[in-house]
């Protein structure tokens, strides 16, 4: 069906306007086809991967042609809870194309939020949430202790530098 539409439109453009407009039409159709195939790959074998890194959480969507990821540092995370993304005309296309949506909502930076867990039902999200919070708390504490150690180390270096600088000036 898609190929028939491309052939028909190409024939109409060539008959009416000539060859240069065909190239732009073909490029437009190839772009649309690319995004369609990207969505098809996501629908067939897409996976949303949540990874706890040293400095934050990495959300990645694997199994599509266009690579996508979002990184949220631990110190910017405010809250996480179950809430299904509200549907609207603009968001429904985004959800259909696998760009947003989910049953879990993470608030960060005070006013921003990110939905994930697109294929989770509300009951599944409620089962996953306590475990996710536990991991989040554990990794946040590790992150804060690492930052505290680094801060103490740099304060000690600064004190030593000031001490040697004052000794040299005397």
C-alpha atoms as a PDB file:
ATOM      1  CA  UNK A   1       0.000   0.000   0.000  1.00  0.00           C
ATOM      2  CA  UNK A   2       2.785   2.390   0.971  1.00  0.00           C
ATOM      3  CA  UNK A   3       4.736   1.616  -2.212  1.00  0.00           C
ATOM      4  CA  UNK A   4       1.637   2.097  -4.377  1.00  0.00           C
ATOM      5  CA  UNK A   5       1.113   5.537  -2.819  1.00  0.00           C
ATOM      6  CA  UNK A   6       4.746   6.482  -3.520  1.00  0.00           C
ATOM      7  CA  UNK A   7       4.482   5.343  -7.155  1.00  0.00           C
ATOM      8  CA  UNK A   8       1.224   7.210  -7.671  1.00  0.00           C
ATOM      9  CA  UNK A   9       2.553  10.448  -6.147  1.00  0.00           C
ATOM     10  CA  UNK A  10       5.806  10.177  -8.109  1.00  0.00           C
ATOM     11  CA  UNK A  11       3.875   9.751 -11.360  1.00  0.00           C
ATOM     12  CA  UNK A  12       1.680  12.757 -10.606  1.00  0.00           C
ATOM     13  CA  UNK A  13       4.652  14.969  -9.742  1.00  0.00           C
ATOM     14  CA  UNK A  14       6.649  13.896 -12.811  1.00  0.00           C
ATOM     15  CA  UNK A  15       3.694  14.439 -15.155  1.00  0.00           C
ATOM     16  CA  UNK A  16       2.849  17.856 -13.714  1.00  0.00           C
ATOM     17  CA  UNK A  17       6.133  19.370 -12.557  1.00  0.00           C
ATOM     18  CA  UNK A  18       9.105  17.498 -13.902  1.00  0.00           C
ATOM     19  CA  UNK A  19      12.016  15.580 -12.429  1.00  0.00           C
ATOM     20  CA  UNK A  20      13.469  18.014  -9.770  1.00  0.00           C
ATOM     21  CA  UNK A  21      10.318  17.848  -7.617  1.00  0.00           C
ATOM     22  CA  UNK A  22      10.350  14.069  -7.753  1.00  0.00           C
ATOM     23  CA  UNK A  23      13.649  13.952  -5.880  1.00  0.00           C
ATOM     24  CA  UNK A  24      12.280  16.048  -3.019  1.00  0.00           C
ATOM     25  CA  UNK A  25       9.131  13.929  -2.896  1.00  0.00           C
ATOM     26  CA  UNK A  26      11.124  10.698  -2.885  1.00  0.00           C
ATOM     27  CA  UNK A  27      13.358  12.023  -0.092  1.00  0.00           C
ATOM     28  CA  UNK A  28      10.300  12.988   1.930  1.00  0.00           C
ATOM     29  CA  UNK A  29       8.760   9.557   1.405  1.00  0.00           C
ATOM     30  CA  UNK A  30      12.039   7.842   2.350  1.00  0.00           C
ATOM     31  CA  UNK A  31      12.172   9.867   5.569  1.00  0.00           C
ATOM     32  CA  UNK A  32       8.612   8.866   6.407  1.00  0.00           C
ATOM     33  CA  UNK A  33       9.443   5.241   5.572  1.00  0.00           C
ATOM     34  CA  UNK A  34      12.534   5.406   7.816  1.00  0.00           C
ATOM     35  CA  UNK A  35      10.482   6.618  10.799  1.00  0.00           C
ATOM     36  CA  UNK A  36       7.849   3.973  10.072  1.00  0.00           C
ATOM     37  CA  UNK A  37      10.498   1.209  10.064  1.00  0.00           C
ATOM     38  CA  UNK A  38      12.034   2.685  13.239  1.00  0.00           C
ATOM     39  CA  UNK A  39       8.642   2.497  14.951  1.00  0.00           C
ATOM     40  CA  UNK A  40       8.053  -0.999  13.620  1.00  0.00           C
ATOM     41  CA  UNK A  41      11.399  -2.141  15.051  1.00  0.00           C
ATOM     42  CA  UNK A  42      10.451  -0.577  18.399  1.00  0.00           C
ATOM     43  CA  UNK A  43       7.035  -2.259  18.417  1.00  0.00           C
ATOM     44  CA  UNK A  44       8.444  -5.687  17.493  1.00  0.00           C
ATOM     45  CA  UNK A  45      11.564  -5.943  19.640  1.00  0.00           C
ATOM     46  CA  UNK A  46      12.031  -2.684  21.545  1.00  0.00           C
ATOM     47  CA  UNK A  47      13.282  -2.715  25.121  1.00  0.00           C
ATOM     48  CA  UNK A  48      13.415   0.061  27.648  1.00  0.00           C
ATOM     49  CA  UNK A  49      16.540  -0.368  29.743  1.00  0.00           C
ATOM     50  CA  UNK A  50      17.094   1.336  33.100  1.00  0.00           C
ATOM     51  CA  UNK A  51      20.703   1.326  34.258  1.00  0.00           C
ATOM     52  CA  UNK A  52      21.999   2.615  37.606  1.00  0.00           C
ATOM     53  CA  UNK A  53      25.336   4.256  36.795  1.00  0.00           C
ATOM     54  CA  UNK A  54      27.914   5.832  39.141  1.00  0.00           C
ATOM     55  CA  UNK A  55      26.499   9.357  38.872  1.00  0.00           C
ATOM     56  CA  UNK A  56      22.883   8.830  37.841  1.00  0.00           C
ATOM     57  CA  UNK A  57      20.246   6.747  36.110  1.00  0.00           C
ATOM     58  CA  UNK A  58      20.492   6.030  32.400  1.00  0.00           C
ATOM     59  CA  UNK A  59      17.280   5.294  30.500  1.00  0.00           C
ATOM     60  CA  UNK A  60      17.844   3.798  27.037  1.00  0.00           C
ATOM     61  CA  UNK A  61      15.494   2.514  24.378  1.00  0.00           C
ATOM     62  CA  UNK A  62      17.099  -0.365  22.502  1.00  0.00           C
ATOM     63  CA  UNK A  63      15.814  -2.150  19.430  1.00  0.00           C
ATOM     64  CA  UNK A  64      15.186   0.830  17.186  1.00  0.00           C
ATOM     65  CA  UNK A  65      17.110   2.460  14.361  1.00  0.00           C
ATOM     66  CA  UNK A  66      17.430   5.841  16.075  1.00  0.00           C
ATOM     67  CA  UNK A  67      19.368   5.609  19.325  1.00  0.00           C
ATOM     68  CA  UNK A  68      17.723   7.321  22.289  1.00  0.00           C
ATOM     69  CA  UNK A  69      18.751   7.756  25.901  1.00  0.00           C
ATOM     70  CA  UNK A  70      18.246  10.085  28.869  1.00  0.00           C
ATOM     71  CA  UNK A  71      20.574  10.497  31.838  1.00  0.00           C
ATOM     72  CA  UNK A  72      19.329  11.899  35.161  1.00  0.00           C
ATOM     73  CA  UNK A  73      21.927  12.540  37.912  1.00  0.00           C
ATOM     74  CA  UNK A  74      21.079  11.238  41.389  1.00  0.00           C
ATOM     75  CA  UNK A  75      21.341  14.666  42.994  1.00  0.00           C
ATOM     76  CA  UNK A  76      18.607  16.035  40.682  1.00  0.00           C
ATOM     77  CA  UNK A  77      15.980  13.350  41.410  1.00  0.00           C
ATOM     78  CA  UNK A  78      13.103  14.595  43.535  1.00  0.00           C
ATOM     79  CA  UNK A  79      10.556  11.764  43.588  1.00  0.00           C
ATOM     80  CA  UNK A  80       9.321   8.634  41.862  1.00  0.00           C
ATOM     81  CA  UNK A  81       5.816   7.228  41.935  1.00  0.00           C
ATOM     82  CA  UNK A  82       3.183   5.404  39.885  1.00  0.00           C
ATOM     83  CA  UNK A  83       1.212   7.583  37.526  1.00  0.00           C
ATOM     84  CA  UNK A  84       0.035   6.710  34.054  1.00  0.00           C
ATOM     85  CA  UNK A  85       0.854   9.434  31.537  1.00  0.00           C
ATOM     86  CA  UNK A  86      -2.235  11.447  30.666  1.00  0.00           C
ATOM     87  CA  UNK A  87      -3.331  11.072  27.056  1.00  0.00           C
ATOM     88  CA  UNK A  88      -3.764  14.033  24.756  1.00  0.00           C
ATOM     89  CA  UNK A  89      -3.653  14.477  21.000  1.00  0.00           C
ATOM     90  CA  UNK A  90       0.000  15.522  20.940  1.00  0.00           C
ATOM     91  CA  UNK A  91       1.132  12.945  23.522  1.00  0.00           C
ATOM     92  CA  UNK A  92      -0.722  10.080  21.855  1.00  0.00           C
ATOM     93  CA  UNK A  93       1.501  10.344  18.760  1.00  0.00           C
ATOM     94  CA  UNK A  94       4.574  10.488  20.956  1.00  0.00           C
ATOM     95  CA  UNK A  95       3.401   7.389  22.828  1.00  0.00           C
ATOM     96  CA  UNK A  96       2.545   5.589  19.571  1.00  0.00           C
ATOM     97  CA  UNK A  97       6.034   6.238  18.187  1.00  0.00           C
ATOM     98  CA  UNK A  98       7.602   5.002  21.447  1.00  0.00           C
ATOM     99  CA  UNK A  99       9.118   8.357  22.409  1.00  0.00           C
ATOM    100  CA  UNK A 100       7.368   8.872  25.747  1.00  0.00           C
ATOM    101  CA  UNK A 101       4.857   7.379  28.145  1.00  0.00           C
ATOM    102  CA  UNK A 102       4.854   4.892  30.937  1.00  0.00           C
ATOM    103  CA  UNK A 103       3.409   3.889  34.282  1.00  0.00           C
ATOM    104  CA  UNK A 104       6.208   5.269  36.455  1.00  0.00           C
ATOM    105  CA  UNK A 105       6.898   8.989  36.806  1.00  0.00           C
ATOM    106  CA  UNK A 106      10.203  10.419  38.020  1.00  0.00           C
ATOM    107  CA  UNK A 107      10.358  14.054  39.068  1.00  0.00           C
ATOM    108  CA  UNK A 108      13.709  15.819  38.782  1.00  0.00           C
ATOM    109  CA  UNK A 109      15.169  19.349  38.838  1.00  0.00           C
ATOM    110  CA  UNK A 110      12.108  20.587  40.706  1.00  0.00           C
ATOM    111  CA  UNK A 111       9.811  21.013  37.711  1.00  0.00           C
ATOM    112  CA  UNK A 112      10.812  18.361  35.149  1.00  0.00           C
ATOM    113  CA  UNK A 113       9.522  14.816  34.970  1.00  0.00           C
ATOM    114  CA  UNK A 114      10.134  11.670  32.977  1.00  0.00           C
ATOM    115  CA  UNK A 115       7.745   8.758  32.392  1.00  0.00           C
ATOM    116  CA  UNK A 116       9.104   5.236  31.895  1.00  0.00           C
ATOM    117  CA  UNK A 117       7.877   1.653  32.041  1.00  0.00           C
ATOM    118  CA  UNK A 118       5.828   1.974  28.889  1.00  0.00           C
ATOM    119  CA  UNK A 119       4.650  -1.642  28.783  1.00  0.00           C
ATOM    120  CA  UNK A 120       3.967  -1.982  32.531  1.00  0.00           C
ATOM    121  CA  UNK A 121       0.428  -2.217  33.807  1.00  0.00           C
ATOM    122  CA  UNK A 122      -0.492  -0.321  36.973  1.00  0.00           C
ATOM    123  CA  UNK A 123      -0.226  -3.506  39.092  1.00  0.00           C
ATOM    124  CA  UNK A 124       3.176  -4.370  37.618  1.00  0.00           C
ATOM    125  CA  UNK A 125       4.369  -0.813  38.215  1.00  0.00           C
ATOM    126  CA  UNK A 126       3.246  -1.032  41.858  1.00  0.00           C
ATOM    127  CA  UNK A 127       5.293  -4.242  42.237  1.00  0.00           C
ATOM    128  CA  UNK A 128       8.394  -2.748  40.582  1.00  0.00           C
ATOM    129  CA  UNK A 129       8.273   0.606  42.386  1.00  0.00           C
ATOM    130  CA  UNK A 130       9.491  -0.497  45.882  1.00  0.00           C
ATOM    131  CA  UNK A 131      12.442  -2.367  44.396  1.00  0.00           C
ATOM    132  CA  UNK A 132      13.280   0.578  42.147  1.00  0.00           C
ATOM    133  CA  UNK A 133      13.138   2.971  45.116  1.00  0.00           C
ATOM    134  CA  UNK A 134      15.391   0.650  47.119  1.00  0.00           C
ATOM    135  CA  UNK A 135      18.005   0.612  44.341  1.00  0.00           C
ATOM    136  CA  UNK A 136      17.658   4.356  43.895  1.00  0.00           C
ATOM    137  CA  UNK A 137      18.230   4.997  47.609  1.00  0.00           C
ATOM    138  CA  UNK A 138      21.232   2.659  47.689  1.00  0.00           C
ATOM    139  CA  UNK A 139      22.905   4.223  44.657  1.00  0.00           C
ATOM    140  CA  UNK A 140      22.070   7.754  45.833  1.00  0.00           C
ATOM    141  CA  UNK A 141      23.769   7.071  49.178  1.00  0.00           C
ATOM    142  CA  UNK A 142      26.824   5.667  47.383  1.00  0.00           C
ATOM    143  CA  UNK A 143      26.894   8.713  45.111  1.00  0.00           C
ATOM    144  CA  UNK A 144      26.631  11.118  48.060  1.00  0.00           C
ATOM    145  CA  UNK A 145      29.383   9.326  49.990  1.00  0.00           C
ATOM    146  CA  UNK A 146      31.658   9.439  46.923  1.00  0.00           C
ATOM    147  CA  UNK A 147      30.972  13.143  46.512  1.00  0.00           C
ATOM    148  CA  UNK A 148      31.666  13.738  50.225  1.00  0.00           C
ATOM    149  CA  UNK A 149      34.987  11.869  49.975  1.00  0.00           C
ATOM    150  CA  UNK A 150      35.953  13.883  46.890  1.00  0.00           C
ATOM    151  CA  UNK A 151      34.984  17.125  48.615  1.00  0.00           C
ATOM    152  CA  UNK A 152      37.008  16.216  51.709  1.00  0.00           C
ATOM    153  CA  UNK A 153      39.974  15.286  49.513  1.00  0.00           C
ATOM    154  CA  UNK A 154      39.903  18.602  47.640  1.00  0.00           C
ATOM    155  CA  UNK A 155      39.460  20.564  50.863  1.00  0.00           C
ATOM    156  CA  UNK A 156      42.510  18.783  52.277  1.00  0.00           C
ATOM    157  CA  UNK A 157      44.497  19.573  49.124  1.00  0.00           C
ATOM    158  CA  UNK A 158      43.422  23.213  49.360  1.00  0.00           C
ATOM    159  CA  UNK A 159      44.463  23.405  53.016  1.00  0.00           C
ATOM    160  CA  UNK A 160      47.861  21.888  52.180  1.00  0.00           C
ATOM    161  CA  UNK A 161      48.282  24.313  49.295  1.00  0.00           C
ATOM    162  CA  UNK A 162      47.405  27.307  51.489  1.00  0.00           C
ATOM    163  CA  UNK A 163      49.710  26.009  54.220  1.00  0.00           C
ATOM    164  CA  UNK A 164      52.690  25.585  51.854  1.00  0.00           C
ATOM    165  CA  UNK A 165      51.899  28.932  50.182  1.00  0.00           C
ATOM    166  CA  UNK A 166      51.905  30.742  53.553  1.00  0.00           C
ATOM    167  CA  UNK A 167      55.163  28.988  54.568  1.00  0.00           C
ATOM    168  CA  UNK A 168      56.845  30.086  51.335  1.00  0.00           C
ATOM    169  CA  UNK A 169      55.771  33.709  51.773  1.00  0.00           C
ATOM    170  CA  UNK A 170      57.286  33.871  55.295  1.00  0.00           C
END
